[in-house]
Amino acid sequence: MTVFDLLVLAILAVSSLIGWYRGGLREAVTLLAILGGFLFLNLFGAGAASYVSGIPAKIAVFAAVFFVGDLLVSLLGAYLIRRFVGKKVFRNDRVAGLLFGLVRGWVLAAALVFTVITYHDGAALPGWITGSFFAPALEATADALLRKAEFSVTELSKASLSPISP
């Protein structure tokens, strides 16, 4: 077990505890808010990015559009939960939140592995990754999630890419 494995276990533990504390309904609203952010990004991102030039400015516009969509769905979900469920978190809701948190932690750890692999692009990976127990499964998770995406984040760094459009 490497230091990276301990980091993954810490990420999973913290994310699970946060999910347990918040509950499944609030975690589900958070997931819906992220999906709402991506929906806003798909609907309005290209149009909003056409008003700015340069890759950093386009990335900032995409982030802002995503944030607006995420915020709107989060506020609506929080209102609905307060209105119909209240503030109390029940046991089943906590267990569901723990499971949501565990999945979120795994996806965050997969994003970390993807970042390290992308940074080392073709070079030898550090020993704390190659000797890791979790790294192969996390790499497969990152690959499966990113294969579903329409564009790759690494495409943004190519010099030939002038406009960013979906």
C-alpha atoms as a PDB file:
ATOM      1  CA  MET A   1       0.000   0.000   0.000  1.00  0.00           C
ATOM      2  CA  THR A   2       1.467   3.326  -1.091  1.00  0.00           C
ATOM      3  CA  VAL A   3       0.948   6.879   0.092  1.00  0.00           C
ATOM      4  CA  PHE A   4      -1.423   7.329  -2.843  1.00  0.00           C
ATOM      5  CA  ASP A   5      -3.595   4.460  -1.563  1.00  0.00           C
ATOM      6  CA  LEU A   6      -3.796   6.171   1.821  1.00  0.00           C
ATOM      7  CA  LEU A   7      -4.779   9.414   0.067  1.00  0.00           C
ATOM      8  CA  VAL A   8      -7.522   7.574  -1.851  1.00  0.00           C
ATOM      9  CA  LEU A   9      -8.804   6.038   1.387  1.00  0.00           C
ATOM     10  CA  ALA A  10      -8.822   9.493   2.994  1.00  0.00           C
ATOM     11  CA  ILE A  11     -10.738  10.965   0.028  1.00  0.00           C
ATOM     12  CA  LEU A  12     -13.273   8.126   0.214  1.00  0.00           C
ATOM     13  CA  ALA A  13     -13.659   8.500   3.985  1.00  0.00           C
ATOM     14  CA  VAL A  14     -14.100  12.279   3.950  1.00  0.00           C
ATOM     15  CA  SER A  15     -16.507  12.199   1.008  1.00  0.00           C
ATOM     16  CA  SER A  16     -18.528   9.395   2.623  1.00  0.00           C
ATOM     17  CA  LEU A  17     -18.742  11.268   5.926  1.00  0.00           C
ATOM     18  CA  ILE A  18     -19.874  14.431   4.163  1.00  0.00           C
ATOM     19  CA  GLY A  19     -22.504  12.405   2.296  1.00  0.00           C
ATOM     20  CA  TRP A  20     -23.632  10.746   5.535  1.00  0.00           C
ATOM     21  CA  TYR A  21     -23.942  14.124   7.249  1.00  0.00           C
ATOM     22  CA  ARG A  22     -25.843  15.776   4.406  1.00  0.00           C
ATOM     23  CA  GLY A  23     -28.091  12.825   3.552  1.00  0.00           C
ATOM     24  CA  GLY A  24     -29.101  11.180   0.308  1.00  0.00           C
ATOM     25  CA  LEU A  25     -31.679  13.752  -0.764  1.00  0.00           C
ATOM     26  CA  ARG A  26     -29.243  16.640  -0.488  1.00  0.00           C
ATOM     27  CA  GLU A  27     -26.546  14.600  -2.241  1.00  0.00           C
ATOM     28  CA  ALA A  28     -29.020  13.781  -5.022  1.00  0.00           C
ATOM     29  CA  VAL A  29     -29.833  17.480  -5.377  1.00  0.00           C
ATOM     30  CA  THR A  30     -26.102  18.181  -5.629  1.00  0.00           C
ATOM     31  CA  LEU A  31     -25.814  15.587  -8.399  1.00  0.00           C
ATOM     32  CA  LEU A  32     -28.812  17.112 -10.184  1.00  0.00           C
ATOM     33  CA  ALA A  33     -27.237  20.550  -9.788  1.00  0.00           C
ATOM     34  CA  ILE A  34     -24.065  19.328 -11.483  1.00  0.00           C
ATOM     35  CA  LEU A  35     -26.166  17.877 -14.296  1.00  0.00           C
ATOM     36  CA  GLY A  36     -28.025  21.202 -14.490  1.00  0.00           C
ATOM     37  CA  GLY A  37     -24.697  22.977 -14.796  1.00  0.00           C
ATOM     38  CA  PHE A  38     -23.707  20.712 -17.674  1.00  0.00           C
ATOM     39  CA  LEU A  39     -27.104  21.248 -19.300  1.00  0.00           C
ATOM     40  CA  PHE A  40     -26.648  25.024 -19.082  1.00  0.00           C
ATOM     41  CA  LEU A  41     -23.153  24.596 -20.467  1.00  0.00           C
ATOM     42  CA  ASN A  42     -24.479  22.615 -23.437  1.00  0.00           C
ATOM     43  CA  LEU A  43     -27.305  25.069 -24.072  1.00  0.00           C
ATOM     44  CA  PHE A  44     -25.575  28.403 -23.510  1.00  0.00           C
ATOM     45  CA  GLY A  45     -21.822  27.769 -23.327  1.00  0.00           C
ATOM     46  CA  ALA A  46     -20.974  28.064 -27.017  1.00  0.00           C
ATOM     47  CA  GLY A  47     -23.080  31.190 -27.464  1.00  0.00           C
ATOM     48  CA  ALA A  48     -21.608  32.898 -24.426  1.00  0.00           C
ATOM     49  CA  ALA A  49     -18.039  31.890 -25.339  1.00  0.00           C
ATOM     50  CA  SER A  50     -18.423  33.403 -28.805  1.00  0.00           C
ATOM     51  CA  TYR A  51     -18.300  36.872 -27.220  1.00  0.00           C
ATOM     52  CA  VAL A  52     -14.754  36.413 -25.887  1.00  0.00           C
ATOM     53  CA  SER A  53     -11.460  35.465 -27.488  1.00  0.00           C
ATOM     54  CA  GLY A  54      -8.628  33.382 -26.144  1.00  0.00           C
ATOM     55  CA  ILE A  55      -8.712  30.002 -24.507  1.00  0.00           C
ATOM     56  CA  PRO A  56      -8.446  31.239 -20.878  1.00  0.00           C
ATOM     57  CA  ALA A  57     -11.374  33.620 -21.410  1.00  0.00           C
ATOM     58  CA  LYS A  58     -13.473  30.874 -23.023  1.00  0.00           C
ATOM     59  CA  ILE A  59     -12.714  28.535 -20.125  1.00  0.00           C
ATOM     60  CA  ALA A  60     -13.755  31.266 -17.671  1.00  0.00           C
ATOM     61  CA  VAL A  61     -17.027  31.792 -19.563  1.00  0.00           C
ATOM     62  CA  PHE A  62     -17.698  28.045 -19.603  1.00  0.00           C
ATOM     63  CA  ALA A  63     -17.047  27.905 -15.847  1.00  0.00           C
ATOM     64  CA  ALA A  64     -19.383  30.852 -15.230  1.00  0.00           C
ATOM     65  CA  VAL A  65     -22.185  29.337 -17.336  1.00  0.00           C
ATOM     66  CA  PHE A  66     -21.764  26.006 -15.541  1.00  0.00           C
ATOM     67  CA  PHE A  67     -21.834  27.778 -12.163  1.00  0.00           C
ATOM     68  CA  VAL A  68     -25.085  29.611 -12.996  1.00  0.00           C
ATOM     69  CA  GLY A  69     -26.837  26.382 -13.993  1.00  0.00           C
ATOM     70  CA  ASP A  70     -25.491  24.587 -10.936  1.00  0.00           C
ATOM     71  CA  LEU A  71     -26.551  27.417  -8.633  1.00  0.00           C
ATOM     72  CA  LEU A  72     -30.094  27.622 -10.018  1.00  0.00           C
ATOM     73  CA  VAL A  73     -30.740  23.898  -9.615  1.00  0.00           C
ATOM     74  CA  SER A  74     -29.119  23.901  -6.147  1.00  0.00           C
ATOM     75  CA  LEU A  75     -31.336  26.742  -4.946  1.00  0.00           C
ATOM     76  CA  LEU A  76     -34.475  25.105  -6.337  1.00  0.00           C
ATOM     77  CA  GLY A  77     -33.563  21.740  -4.787  1.00  0.00           C
ATOM     78  CA  ALA A  78     -32.755  23.287  -1.399  1.00  0.00           C
ATOM     79  CA  TYR A  79     -36.081  25.118  -1.423  1.00  0.00           C
ATOM     80  CA  LEU A  80     -38.015  21.947  -2.295  1.00  0.00           C
ATOM     81  CA  ILE A  81     -36.263  19.886   0.377  1.00  0.00           C
ATOM     82  CA  ARG A  82     -36.911  22.523   3.053  1.00  0.00           C
ATOM     83  CA  ARG A  83     -40.510  22.877   1.934  1.00  0.00           C
ATOM     84  CA  PHE A  84     -41.469  19.195   1.734  1.00  0.00           C
ATOM     85  CA  VAL A  85     -38.956  17.283   3.876  1.00  0.00           C
ATOM     86  CA  GLY A  86     -37.692  19.745   6.435  1.00  0.00           C
ATOM     87  CA  LYS A  87     -34.279  20.014   7.994  1.00  0.00           C
ATOM     88  CA  LYS A  88     -34.147  16.647   9.763  1.00  0.00           C
ATOM     89  CA  VAL A  89     -32.051  13.925   8.113  1.00  0.00           C
ATOM     90  CA  PHE A  90     -33.349  10.398   8.711  1.00  0.00           C
ATOM     91  CA  ARG A  91     -31.321   7.172   9.007  1.00  0.00           C
ATOM     92  CA  ASN A  92     -32.133   5.819   5.533  1.00  0.00           C
ATOM     93  CA  ASP A  93     -31.332   9.210   4.085  1.00  0.00           C
ATOM     94  CA  ARG A  94     -27.963   9.143   5.853  1.00  0.00           C
ATOM     95  CA  VAL A  95     -27.131   5.680   4.471  1.00  0.00           C
ATOM     96  CA  ALA A  96     -28.033   6.824   0.966  1.00  0.00           C
ATOM     97  CA  GLY A  97     -25.889   9.913   1.490  1.00  0.00           C
ATOM     98  CA  LEU A  98     -22.972   7.747   2.586  1.00  0.00           C
ATOM     99  CA  LEU A  99     -23.268   5.735  -0.645  1.00  0.00           C
ATOM    100  CA  PHE A 100     -23.495   8.908  -2.734  1.00  0.00           C
ATOM    101  CA  GLY A 101     -20.428  10.213  -0.941  1.00  0.00           C
ATOM    102  CA  LEU A 102     -18.524   7.000  -1.581  1.00  0.00           C
ATOM    103  CA  VAL A 103     -19.233   7.209  -5.311  1.00  0.00           C
ATOM    104  CA  ARG A 104     -18.315  10.901  -5.366  1.00  0.00           C
ATOM    105  CA  GLY A 105     -15.050  10.159  -3.582  1.00  0.00           C
ATOM    106  CA  TRP A 106     -14.218   7.442  -6.100  1.00  0.00           C
ATOM    107  CA  VAL A 107     -14.872   9.803  -9.018  1.00  0.00           C
ATOM    108  CA  LEU A 108     -12.715  12.503  -7.384  1.00  0.00           C
ATOM    109  CA  ALA A 109      -9.886  10.010  -6.889  1.00  0.00           C
ATOM    110  CA  ALA A 110     -10.263   8.919 -10.534  1.00  0.00           C
ATOM    111  CA  ALA A 111      -9.983  12.569 -11.586  1.00  0.00           C
ATOM    112  CA  LEU A 112      -6.783  12.808  -9.537  1.00  0.00           C
ATOM    113  CA  VAL A 113      -5.323   9.753 -11.310  1.00  0.00           C
ATOM    114  CA  PHE A 114      -6.358  11.200 -14.679  1.00  0.00           C
ATOM    115  CA  THR A 115      -4.614  14.474 -13.822  1.00  0.00           C
ATOM    116  CA  VAL A 116      -1.386  12.704 -12.859  1.00  0.00           C
ATOM    117  CA  ILE A 117      -1.443  10.532 -15.989  1.00  0.00           C
ATOM    118  CA  THR A 118      -2.155  13.538 -18.221  1.00  0.00           C
ATOM    119  CA  TYR A 119       0.618  15.548 -16.567  1.00  0.00           C
ATOM    120  CA  HIS A 120       3.146  12.757 -17.155  1.00  0.00           C
ATOM    121  CA  ASP A 121       1.955  12.311 -20.776  1.00  0.00           C
ATOM    122  CA  GLY A 122       4.072   9.391 -21.980  1.00  0.00           C
ATOM    123  CA  ALA A 123       6.737   9.718 -19.281  1.00  0.00           C
ATOM    124  CA  ALA A 124       7.178   7.173 -16.523  1.00  0.00           C
ATOM    125  CA  LEU A 125       4.620   7.535 -13.770  1.00  0.00           C
ATOM    126  CA  PRO A 126       5.815   8.027 -10.194  1.00  0.00           C
ATOM    127  CA  GLY A 127       6.248   4.925  -8.048  1.00  0.00           C
ATOM    128  CA  TRP A 128       3.447   5.926  -5.712  1.00  0.00           C
ATOM    129  CA  ILE A 129       1.059   5.530  -8.677  1.00  0.00           C
ATOM    130  CA  THR A 130       2.551   2.457 -10.365  1.00  0.00           C
ATOM    131  CA  GLY A 131       2.733   0.551  -7.070  1.00  0.00           C
ATOM    132  CA  SER A 132      -0.727   1.618  -5.968  1.00  0.00           C
ATOM    133  CA  PHE A 133      -3.467  -0.898  -5.274  1.00  0.00           C
ATOM    134  CA  PHE A 134      -6.250   1.495  -6.351  1.00  0.00           C
ATOM    135  CA  ALA A 135      -4.612   3.166  -9.380  1.00  0.00           C
ATOM    136  CA  PRO A 136      -5.559   0.569 -12.060  1.00  0.00           C
ATOM    137  CA  ALA A 137      -9.246   0.624 -11.088  1.00  0.00           C
ATOM    138  CA  LEU A 138      -9.246   4.422 -10.799  1.00  0.00           C
ATOM    139  CA  GLU A 139      -7.566   4.733 -14.198  1.00  0.00           C
ATOM    140  CA  ALA A 140     -10.248   2.478 -15.712  1.00  0.00           C
ATOM    141  CA  THR A 141     -12.942   4.599 -14.048  1.00  0.00           C
ATOM    142  CA  ALA A 142     -11.442   7.829 -15.385  1.00  0.00           C
ATOM    143  CA  ASP A 143     -11.119   6.304 -18.847  1.00  0.00           C
ATOM    144  CA  ALA A 144     -14.753   5.145 -18.818  1.00  0.00           C
ATOM    145  CA  LEU A 145     -16.032   8.541 -17.653  1.00  0.00           C
ATOM    146  CA  LEU A 146     -13.946  10.549 -20.106  1.00  0.00           C
ATOM    147  CA  ARG A 147     -14.728   8.270 -23.028  1.00  0.00           C
ATOM    148  CA  LYS A 148     -18.360   9.366 -22.631  1.00  0.00           C
ATOM    149  CA  ALA A 149     -17.430  13.041 -22.954  1.00  0.00           C
ATOM    150  CA  GLU A 150     -17.824  14.742 -26.338  1.00  0.00           C
ATOM    151  CA  PHE A 151     -14.497  16.528 -26.095  1.00  0.00           C
ATOM    152  CA  SER A 152     -11.352  15.977 -24.109  1.00  0.00           C
ATOM    153  CA  VAL A 153      -9.996  18.509 -21.666  1.00  0.00           C
ATOM    154  CA  THR A 154      -6.534  17.942 -23.117  1.00  0.00           C
ATOM    155  CA  GLU A 155      -7.779  19.241 -26.476  1.00  0.00           C
ATOM    156  CA  LEU A 156      -7.856  22.737 -24.969  1.00  0.00           C
ATOM    157  CA  SER A 157      -4.063  22.842 -24.869  1.00  0.00           C
ATOM    158  CA  LYS A 158      -3.588  22.279 -28.599  1.00  0.00           C
ATOM    159  CA  ALA A 159      -2.375  25.330 -30.501  1.00  0.00           C
ATOM    160  CA  SER A 160      -4.481  24.501 -33.570  1.00  0.00           C
ATOM    161  CA  LEU A 161      -7.685  24.848 -31.574  1.00  0.00           C
ATOM    162  CA  SER A 162      -9.029  28.343 -32.058  1.00  0.00           C
ATOM    163  CA  PRO A 163     -12.761  28.281 -31.279  1.00  0.00           C
ATOM    164  CA  ILE A 164     -14.138  26.054 -28.569  1.00  0.00           C
ATOM    165  CA  SER A 165     -17.544  24.800 -29.542  1.00  0.00           C
ATOM    166  CA  PRO A 166     -19.616  21.783 -28.497  1.00  0.00           C
END
